Amino acid sequence: MRSLRGAAVALLLPLLAAACSVNRQTGERTLTGAIVGAAGGAAVGLLHGDFLSSAVTGAVAGGTGGFVYDQLKKR
């Protein structure tokens, strides 16, 4: 149960980061990155047998990547 709670928190972090931003485009890029990352992580998890952990890791990495990409595009 503890790992599931941690996974849920990790999955929500990119969404919270997107919600804090005033710029709608930043939120959209962060959310898109999280969704794509979660899908990629889930696909890897299906191959390796650790679906939830891989999906959460992918979502966090994708959300972070989407946010960083947005910040680079603004410059």
N, C-alpha and C. Protein backbone atom coordinates (compact mmCIF):
# COMPACT_ATOMS: atom_id res chain seq x y z
N MET A 1 0.82 -1.19 0.00
CA MET A 1 0.00 0.00 0.00
C MET A 1 0.87 1.26 0.00
N ARG A 2 1.98 1.20 0.71
CA ARG A 2 2.86 2.36 0.80
C ARG A 2 3.46 2.72 -0.56
N SER A 3 3.85 1.70 -1.34
CA SER A 3 4.43 1.98 -2.65
C SER A 3 3.38 2.53 -3.61
N LEU A 4 2.15 2.09 -3.45
CA LEU A 4 1.07 2.61 -4.29
C LEU A 4 0.82 4.08 -3.99
N ARG A 5 0.88 4.46 -2.73
CA ARG A 5 0.71 5.85 -2.35
C ARG A 5 1.85 6.71 -2.91
N GLY A 6 3.07 6.19 -2.82
CA GLY A 6 4.22 6.91 -3.38
C GLY A 6 4.12 7.04 -4.88
N ALA A 7 3.62 5.99 -5.54
CA ALA A 7 3.45 6.04 -6.99
C ALA A 7 2.41 7.07 -7.38
N ALA A 8 1.34 7.15 -6.60
CA ALA A 8 0.29 8.13 -6.91
C ALA A 8 0.82 9.55 -6.74
N VAL A 9 1.62 9.77 -5.70
CA VAL A 9 2.20 11.10 -5.49
C VAL A 9 3.15 11.45 -6.63
N ALA A 10 3.98 10.49 -7.04
CA ALA A 10 4.92 10.73 -8.12
C ALA A 10 4.20 11.00 -9.44
N LEU A 11 3.07 10.37 -9.64
CA LEU A 11 2.30 10.58 -10.86
C LEU A 11 1.65 11.96 -10.87
N LEU A 12 1.29 12.46 -9.72
CA LEU A 12 0.63 13.76 -9.64
C LEU A 12 1.58 14.94 -9.66
N LEU A 13 2.86 14.72 -9.41
CA LEU A 13 3.81 15.84 -9.37
C LEU A 13 3.86 16.64 -10.67
N PRO A 14 3.96 15.99 -11.85
CA PRO A 14 3.95 16.80 -13.08
C PRO A 14 2.64 17.58 -13.27
N LEU A 15 1.54 16.98 -12.85
CA LEU A 15 0.26 17.68 -12.97
C LEU A 15 0.21 18.89 -12.06
N LEU A 16 0.76 18.75 -10.87
CA LEU A 16 0.80 19.89 -9.95
C LEU A 16 1.72 20.98 -10.47
N ALA A 17 2.83 20.57 -11.06
CA ALA A 17 3.75 21.56 -11.62
C ALA A 17 3.07 22.33 -12.76
N ALA A 18 2.29 21.63 -13.54
CA ALA A 18 1.56 22.28 -14.64
C ALA A 18 0.48 23.21 -14.10
N ALA A 19 -0.16 22.83 -13.01
CA ALA A 19 -1.23 23.64 -12.45
C ALA A 19 -0.70 24.93 -11.83
N CYS A 20 0.53 24.93 -11.37
CA CYS A 20 1.11 26.12 -10.74
C CYS A 20 1.43 27.21 -11.76
N SER A 21 1.56 26.84 -12.98
CA SER A 21 1.95 27.79 -14.01
C SER A 21 0.75 28.60 -14.48
N VAL A 22 0.98 29.85 -14.75
CA VAL A 22 -0.07 30.71 -15.28
C VAL A 22 -0.24 30.48 -16.77
N ASN A 23 0.84 30.15 -17.44
CA ASN A 23 0.85 29.95 -18.88
C ASN A 23 0.19 28.61 -19.23
N ARG A 24 -0.85 28.65 -20.03
CA ARG A 24 -1.56 27.43 -20.41
C ARG A 24 -0.69 26.51 -21.25
N GLN A 25 0.15 27.08 -22.09
CA GLN A 25 1.00 26.26 -22.96
C GLN A 25 1.98 25.42 -22.15
N THR A 26 2.49 25.96 -21.07
CA THR A 26 3.40 25.21 -20.20
C THR A 26 2.69 23.99 -19.63
N GLY A 27 1.49 24.19 -19.13
CA GLY A 27 0.71 23.09 -18.58
C GLY A 27 0.41 22.02 -19.61
N GLU A 28 0.08 22.44 -20.82
CA GLU A 28 -0.22 21.49 -21.88
C GLU A 28 1.01 20.66 -22.25
N ARG A 29 2.15 21.32 -22.35
CA ARG A 29 3.37 20.59 -22.70
C ARG A 29 3.79 19.63 -21.58
N THR A 30 3.63 20.05 -20.34
CA THR A 30 3.97 19.20 -19.21
C THR A 30 3.04 17.99 -19.16
N LEU A 31 1.76 18.23 -19.32
CA LEU A 31 0.79 17.14 -19.29
C LEU A 31 0.99 16.18 -20.47
N THR A 32 1.24 16.71 -21.64
CA THR A 32 1.50 15.86 -22.80
C THR A 32 2.74 15.00 -22.57
N GLY A 33 3.79 15.59 -22.03
CA GLY A 33 4.99 14.83 -21.72
C GLY A 33 4.72 13.73 -20.71
N ALA A 34 3.91 14.03 -19.70
CA ALA A 34 3.58 13.03 -18.69
C ALA A 34 2.78 11.88 -19.29
N ILE A 35 1.85 12.19 -20.16
CA ILE A 35 1.03 11.15 -20.78
C ILE A 35 1.87 10.27 -21.69
N VAL A 36 2.69 10.89 -22.52
CA VAL A 36 3.56 10.12 -23.42
C VAL A 36 4.56 9.29 -22.61
N GLY A 37 5.12 9.89 -21.56
CA GLY A 37 6.05 9.16 -20.70
C GLY A 37 5.39 7.99 -20.00
N ALA A 38 4.18 8.17 -19.53
CA ALA A 38 3.46 7.09 -18.86
C ALA A 38 3.17 5.96 -19.83
N ALA A 39 2.79 6.30 -21.05
CA ALA A 39 2.53 5.27 -22.05
C ALA A 39 3.80 4.50 -22.40
N GLY A 40 4.90 5.23 -22.58
CA GLY A 40 6.17 4.56 -22.85
C GLY A 40 6.62 3.71 -21.69
N GLY A 41 6.49 4.24 -20.48
CA GLY A 41 6.86 3.47 -19.29
C GLY A 41 6.00 2.24 -19.12
N ALA A 42 4.71 2.36 -19.41
CA ALA A 42 3.81 1.21 -19.31
C ALA A 42 4.19 0.14 -20.32
N ALA A 43 4.57 0.56 -21.52
CA ALA A 43 4.98 -0.41 -22.54
C ALA A 43 6.24 -1.16 -22.09
N VAL A 44 7.20 -0.43 -21.53
CA VAL A 44 8.41 -1.07 -21.02
C VAL A 44 8.06 -1.99 -19.86
N GLY A 45 7.14 -1.53 -18.99
CA GLY A 45 6.72 -2.33 -17.85
C GLY A 45 6.05 -3.62 -18.26
N LEU A 46 5.31 -3.61 -19.36
CA LEU A 46 4.70 -4.84 -19.84
C LEU A 46 5.76 -5.85 -20.27
N LEU A 47 6.85 -5.35 -20.83
CA LEU A 47 7.92 -6.24 -21.28
C LEU A 47 8.74 -6.78 -20.11
N HIS A 48 8.90 -5.97 -19.07
CA HIS A 48 9.77 -6.35 -17.96
C HIS A 48 9.00 -6.80 -16.72
N GLY A 49 7.70 -6.67 -16.71
CA GLY A 49 6.89 -7.19 -15.62
C GLY A 49 6.65 -6.23 -14.47
N ASP A 50 7.07 -5.00 -14.55
CA ASP A 50 6.84 -4.04 -13.47
C ASP A 50 6.05 -2.86 -14.04
N PHE A 51 4.79 -3.12 -14.34
CA PHE A 51 3.95 -2.17 -15.08
C PHE A 51 3.78 -0.84 -14.35
N LEU A 52 3.33 -0.88 -13.11
CA LEU A 52 3.00 0.36 -12.39
C LEU A 52 4.22 1.22 -12.14
N SER A 53 5.27 0.63 -11.67
CA SER A 53 6.49 1.39 -11.40
C SER A 53 7.04 2.02 -12.67
N SER A 54 7.05 1.29 -13.75
CA SER A 54 7.56 1.81 -15.02
C SER A 54 6.68 2.93 -15.56
N ALA A 55 5.37 2.78 -15.42
CA ALA A 55 4.45 3.81 -15.89
C ALA A 55 4.62 5.10 -15.09
N VAL A 56 4.77 4.97 -13.78
CA VAL A 56 4.95 6.15 -12.93
C VAL A 56 6.28 6.83 -13.24
N THR A 57 7.33 6.03 -13.37
CA THR A 57 8.64 6.58 -13.70
C THR A 57 8.60 7.30 -15.04
N GLY A 58 7.95 6.69 -16.02
CA GLY A 58 7.81 7.32 -17.33
C GLY A 58 7.01 8.61 -17.28
N ALA A 59 5.96 8.62 -16.46
CA ALA A 59 5.13 9.82 -16.34
C ALA A 59 5.92 10.97 -15.71
N VAL A 60 6.68 10.66 -14.68
CA VAL A 60 7.48 11.70 -14.03
C VAL A 60 8.55 12.22 -14.97
N ALA A 61 9.24 11.29 -15.64
CA ALA A 61 10.29 11.71 -16.59
C ALA A 61 9.69 12.49 -17.76
N GLY A 62 8.56 12.04 -18.28
CA GLY A 62 7.92 12.74 -19.39
C GLY A 62 7.40 14.10 -19.00
N GLY A 63 6.80 14.20 -17.83
CA GLY A 63 6.31 15.49 -17.35
C GLY A 63 7.44 16.48 -17.14
N THR A 64 8.52 15.99 -16.57
CA THR A 64 9.69 16.85 -16.38
C THR A 64 10.26 17.28 -17.73
N GLY A 65 10.35 16.34 -18.65
CA GLY A 65 10.85 16.65 -19.99
C GLY A 65 9.97 17.66 -20.70
N GLY A 66 8.66 17.51 -20.57
CA GLY A 66 7.73 18.46 -21.19
C GLY A 66 7.87 19.86 -20.61
N PHE A 67 8.07 19.94 -19.30
CA PHE A 67 8.25 21.24 -18.66
C PHE A 67 9.56 21.89 -19.10
N VAL A 68 10.63 21.10 -19.12
CA VAL A 68 11.94 21.62 -19.54
C VAL A 68 11.88 22.07 -21.00
N TYR A 69 11.24 21.28 -21.84
CA TYR A 69 11.10 21.64 -23.26
C TYR A 69 10.37 22.98 -23.39
N ASP A 70 9.31 23.15 -22.61
CA ASP A 70 8.56 24.40 -22.67
C ASP A 70 9.45 25.59 -22.26
N GLN A 71 10.23 25.41 -21.21
CA GLN A 71 11.09 26.50 -20.75
C GLN A 71 12.15 26.83 -21.79
N LEU A 72 12.67 25.83 -22.48
CA LEU A 72 13.66 26.08 -23.54
C LEU A 72 13.03 26.78 -24.74
N LYS A 73 11.78 26.41 -25.07
CA LYS A 73 11.10 27.06 -26.20
C LYS A 73 10.79 28.52 -25.91
N LYS A 74 10.60 28.88 -24.66
CA LYS A 74 10.31 30.26 -24.29
C LYS A 74 11.52 31.16 -24.46
N ARG A 75 12.70 30.59 -24.39
CA ARG A 75 13.93 31.40 -24.48
C ARG A 75 14.24 31.63 -25.88
